[in-house]
Amino acid sequence: VQLQASGGGLVQAGDSLRLSCVASGRTFGAYAWFRQAPGKEREFVAASSWRGEKKEYADSVKGRFTISRDNRDNTMYLRMNSLKPEDTAVYYCAARADWAPRSTIYAWWGQGTLVTVSS
C-alpha cells in the first residue's frame, strides 16, 4: 500500500491550493488529512468516508477546506481556500480500513507535502 501526496508550495495569505494524494495497493474505508506545523504536534484537518457520505473538519479549517476524492481512481484531494499563515505546515494524507469519526489512528500514511503561507 502506498500513499503519495503532492501539491504543496509557497502561497500568499488569501490564496488557494489543492493537495493531492494518490493511493494504491488496496481499497479503503476512510481517508484523512493531517498537518504538522513547526514545533507543534500533528493535528487532524479533515476526514471522509471512502464514498464521501460522511465528512468532518477541524474547526480551524471548516468553511475554508474541502476534502474529496475522484471516484474514477484513488486520488484524494484537500482543497484549501482563504489560506492563512497559521495554515503553514507539512500536510499528510492517511487512510484506514473503516470510518471512525475523529480518529487519529490511521494504518497508512503518505510522506507529507509542505504548505507555506506568507503574510
C-alpha atoms as a PDB file:
ATOM      1  CA  VAL A   1       0.000   0.000   0.000  1.00  0.00           C
ATOM      2  CA  GLN A   2       1.314   3.443  -0.931  1.00  0.00           C
ATOM      3  CA  LEU A   3       0.040   6.966  -0.434  1.00  0.00           C
ATOM      4  CA  GLN A   4       1.789   9.668  -2.428  1.00  0.00           C
ATOM      5  CA  ALA A   5       0.984  13.266  -1.504  1.00  0.00           C
ATOM      6  CA  SER A   6       1.735  16.287  -3.644  1.00  0.00           C
ATOM      7  CA  GLY A   7       0.637  19.841  -4.333  1.00  0.00           C
ATOM      8  CA  GLY A   8       2.260  21.789  -1.558  1.00  0.00           C
ATOM      9  CA  GLY A   9       4.057  25.052  -2.136  1.00  0.00           C
ATOM     10  CA  LEU A  10       4.557  28.667  -1.146  1.00  0.00           C
ATOM     11  CA  VAL A  11       1.488  30.883  -1.403  1.00  0.00           C
ATOM     12  CA  GLN A  12       0.300  34.192  -0.025  1.00  0.00           C
ATOM     13  CA  ALA A  13      -2.396  34.693   2.559  1.00  0.00           C
ATOM     14  CA  GLY A  14      -5.806  34.524   0.925  1.00  0.00           C
ATOM     15  CA  ASP A  15      -4.657  32.222  -1.872  1.00  0.00           C
ATOM     16  CA  SER A  16      -5.947  28.745  -2.633  1.00  0.00           C
ATOM     17  CA  LEU A  17      -4.135  25.458  -3.047  1.00  0.00           C
ATOM     18  CA  ARG A  18      -5.174  21.893  -3.774  1.00  0.00           C
ATOM     19  CA  LEU A  19      -3.307  18.953  -2.337  1.00  0.00           C
ATOM     20  CA  SER A  20      -3.493  15.533  -3.960  1.00  0.00           C
ATOM     21  CA  CYS A  21      -2.803  12.070  -2.640  1.00  0.00           C
ATOM     22  CA  VAL A  22      -2.691   9.017  -4.864  1.00  0.00           C
ATOM     23  CA  ALA A  23      -3.413   5.768  -3.071  1.00  0.00           C
ATOM     24  CA  SER A  24      -2.555   2.346  -4.407  1.00  0.00           C
ATOM     25  CA  GLY A  25      -2.495  -1.243  -3.204  1.00  0.00           C
ATOM     26  CA  ARG A  26      -5.989  -1.723  -1.795  1.00  0.00           C
ATOM     27  CA  THR A  27      -9.326  -0.058  -1.194  1.00  0.00           C
ATOM     28  CA  PHE A  28     -10.051   1.870   1.976  1.00  0.00           C
ATOM     29  CA  GLY A  29     -12.953   2.732   4.240  1.00  0.00           C
ATOM     30  CA  ALA A  30     -11.879   6.255   5.058  1.00  0.00           C
ATOM     31  CA  TYR A  31      -9.174   8.783   4.374  1.00  0.00           C
ATOM     32  CA  ALA A  32      -7.997  11.941   6.015  1.00  0.00           C
ATOM     33  CA  TRP A  33      -5.608  14.845   6.006  1.00  0.00           C
ATOM     34  CA  PHE A  34      -3.462  15.848   8.959  1.00  0.00           C
ATOM     35  CA  ARG A  35      -0.884  18.576   9.336  1.00  0.00           C
ATOM     36  CA  GLN A  36       2.101  19.334  11.494  1.00  0.00           C
ATOM     37  CA  ALA A  37       3.351  22.861  11.941  1.00  0.00           C
ATOM     38  CA  PRO A  38       6.939  23.563  13.029  1.00  0.00           C
ATOM     39  CA  GLY A  39       7.362  22.839  16.713  1.00  0.00           C
ATOM     40  CA  LYS A  40       3.829  21.534  17.108  1.00  0.00           C
ATOM     41  CA  GLU A  41       2.170  18.155  17.259  1.00  0.00           C
ATOM     42  CA  ARG A  42       0.419  16.671  14.282  1.00  0.00           C
ATOM     43  CA  GLU A  43      -3.237  17.648  14.159  1.00  0.00           C
ATOM     44  CA  PHE A  44      -6.359  16.460  12.406  1.00  0.00           C
ATOM     45  CA  VAL A  45      -7.559  18.558   9.470  1.00  0.00           C
ATOM     46  CA  ALA A  46     -10.322  16.655   7.680  1.00  0.00           C
ATOM     47  CA  ALA A  47     -11.621  13.149   7.103  1.00  0.00           C
ATOM     48  CA  SER A  48     -14.065  11.464   4.790  1.00  0.00           C
ATOM     49  CA  SER A  49     -15.598   8.055   4.382  1.00  0.00           C
ATOM     50  CA  TRP A  50     -14.459   6.455   1.149  1.00  0.00           C
ATOM     51  CA  ARG A  51     -17.697   7.124  -0.709  1.00  0.00           C
ATOM     52  CA  GLY A  52     -17.944  10.608   0.733  1.00  0.00           C
ATOM     53  CA  GLU A  53     -21.226  10.302   2.607  1.00  0.00           C
ATOM     54  CA  LYS A  54     -19.574  11.250   5.884  1.00  0.00           C
ATOM     55  CA  LYS A  55     -17.126  14.090   6.322  1.00  0.00           C
ATOM     56  CA  GLU A  56     -15.720  16.048   9.203  1.00  0.00           C
ATOM     57  CA  TYR A  57     -13.396  19.008   9.587  1.00  0.00           C
ATOM     58  CA  ALA A  58     -11.327  20.638  12.263  1.00  0.00           C
ATOM     59  CA  ASP A  59     -12.932  23.846  13.481  1.00  0.00           C
ATOM     60  CA  SER A  60      -9.913  25.825  12.308  1.00  0.00           C
ATOM     61  CA  VAL A  61     -10.478  24.890   8.659  1.00  0.00           C
ATOM     62  CA  LYS A  62     -14.252  24.452   8.487  1.00  0.00           C
ATOM     63  CA  GLY A  63     -15.703  26.521   5.653  1.00  0.00           C
ATOM     64  CA  ARG A  64     -12.300  27.017   4.018  1.00  0.00           C
ATOM     65  CA  PHE A  65     -11.070  23.481   3.291  1.00  0.00           C
ATOM     66  CA  THR A  66     -12.846  20.730   1.367  1.00  0.00           C
ATOM     67  CA  ILE A  67     -11.912  17.065   1.362  1.00  0.00           C
ATOM     68  CA  SER A  68     -12.880  14.991  -1.644  1.00  0.00           C
ATOM     69  CA  ARG A  69     -11.950  12.047  -3.795  1.00  0.00           C
ATOM     70  CA  ASP A  70     -12.054  11.352  -7.503  1.00  0.00           C
ATOM     71  CA  ASN A  71     -14.410   8.380  -7.900  1.00  0.00           C
ATOM     72  CA  ARG A  72     -12.622   7.297 -11.059  1.00  0.00           C
ATOM     73  CA  ASP A  73      -9.445   6.480  -9.205  1.00  0.00           C
ATOM     74  CA  ASN A  74      -7.894   6.521  -5.790  1.00  0.00           C
ATOM     75  CA  THR A  75      -6.850  10.157  -5.787  1.00  0.00           C
ATOM     76  CA  MET A  76      -7.800  12.108  -2.690  1.00  0.00           C
ATOM     77  CA  TYR A  77      -7.829  15.886  -2.513  1.00  0.00           C
ATOM     78  CA  LEU A  78      -7.751  18.684   0.012  1.00  0.00           C
ATOM     79  CA  ARG A  79      -8.892  21.959  -1.455  1.00  0.00           C
ATOM     80  CA  MET A  80      -7.702  24.856   0.706  1.00  0.00           C
ATOM     81  CA  ASN A  81      -9.174  28.315   0.230  1.00  0.00           C
ATOM     82  CA  SER A  82      -8.533  31.582   2.057  1.00  0.00           C
ATOM     83  CA  LEU A  83      -5.232  30.309   3.343  1.00  0.00           C
ATOM     84  CA  LYS A  84      -3.750  31.904   6.447  1.00  0.00           C
ATOM     85  CA  PRO A  85      -0.172  31.990   7.736  1.00  0.00           C
ATOM     86  CA  GLU A  86      -1.257  29.679  10.554  1.00  0.00           C
ATOM     87  CA  ASP A  87      -2.079  27.033   7.949  1.00  0.00           C
ATOM     88  CA  THR A  88       1.644  26.669   7.298  1.00  0.00           C
ATOM     89  CA  ALA A  89       2.549  23.044   7.952  1.00  0.00           C
ATOM     90  CA  VAL A  90       3.532  19.747   6.433  1.00  0.00           C
ATOM     91  CA  TYR A  91       0.314  18.109   5.289  1.00  0.00           C
ATOM     92  CA  TYR A  92      -0.096  14.338   5.379  1.00  0.00           C
ATOM     93  CA  CYS A  93      -2.711  12.151   3.775  1.00  0.00           C
ATOM     94  CA  ALA A  94      -3.757   8.994   5.558  1.00  0.00           C
ATOM     95  CA  ALA A  95      -6.131   6.087   5.040  1.00  0.00           C
ATOM     96  CA  ARG A  96      -7.735   3.357   7.099  1.00  0.00           C
ATOM     97  CA  ALA A  97      -9.950   0.340   6.530  1.00  0.00           C
ATOM     98  CA  ASP A  98     -13.101   1.758   8.128  1.00  0.00           C
ATOM     99  CA  TRP A  99     -14.766   5.036   9.048  1.00  0.00           C
ATOM    100  CA  ALA A 100     -14.030   6.199  12.587  1.00  0.00           C
ATOM    101  CA  PRO A 101     -15.113   9.758  13.476  1.00  0.00           C
ATOM    102  CA  ARG A 102     -12.307  11.970  14.807  1.00  0.00           C
ATOM    103  CA  SER A 103      -9.885   9.081  14.862  1.00  0.00           C
ATOM    104  CA  THR A 104      -6.185   9.831  14.602  1.00  0.00           C
ATOM    105  CA  ILE A 105      -5.365   6.158  14.158  1.00  0.00           C
ATOM    106  CA  TYR A 106      -4.714   5.521  10.502  1.00  0.00           C
ATOM    107  CA  ALA A 107      -2.867   2.487   9.191  1.00  0.00           C
ATOM    108  CA  TRP A 108      -1.411   4.067   6.075  1.00  0.00           C
ATOM    109  CA  TRP A 109       0.290   7.432   5.671  1.00  0.00           C
ATOM    110  CA  GLY A 110       1.718   9.490   2.850  1.00  0.00           C
ATOM    111  CA  GLN A 111       5.085  11.183   3.039  1.00  0.00           C
ATOM    112  CA  GLY A 112       3.835  14.735   3.563  1.00  0.00           C
ATOM    113  CA  THR A 113       3.861  17.859   1.446  1.00  0.00           C
ATOM    114  CA  LEU A 114       4.878  21.289   2.720  1.00  0.00           C
ATOM    115  CA  VAL A 115       2.493  24.223   2.556  1.00  0.00           C
ATOM    116  CA  THR A 116       3.888  27.635   3.403  1.00  0.00           C
ATOM    117  CA  VAL A 117       1.570  30.636   3.607  1.00  0.00           C
ATOM    118  CA  SER A 118       3.209  34.033   3.710  1.00  0.00           C
ATOM    119  CA  SER A 119       1.504  37.076   5.178  1.00  0.00           C
END
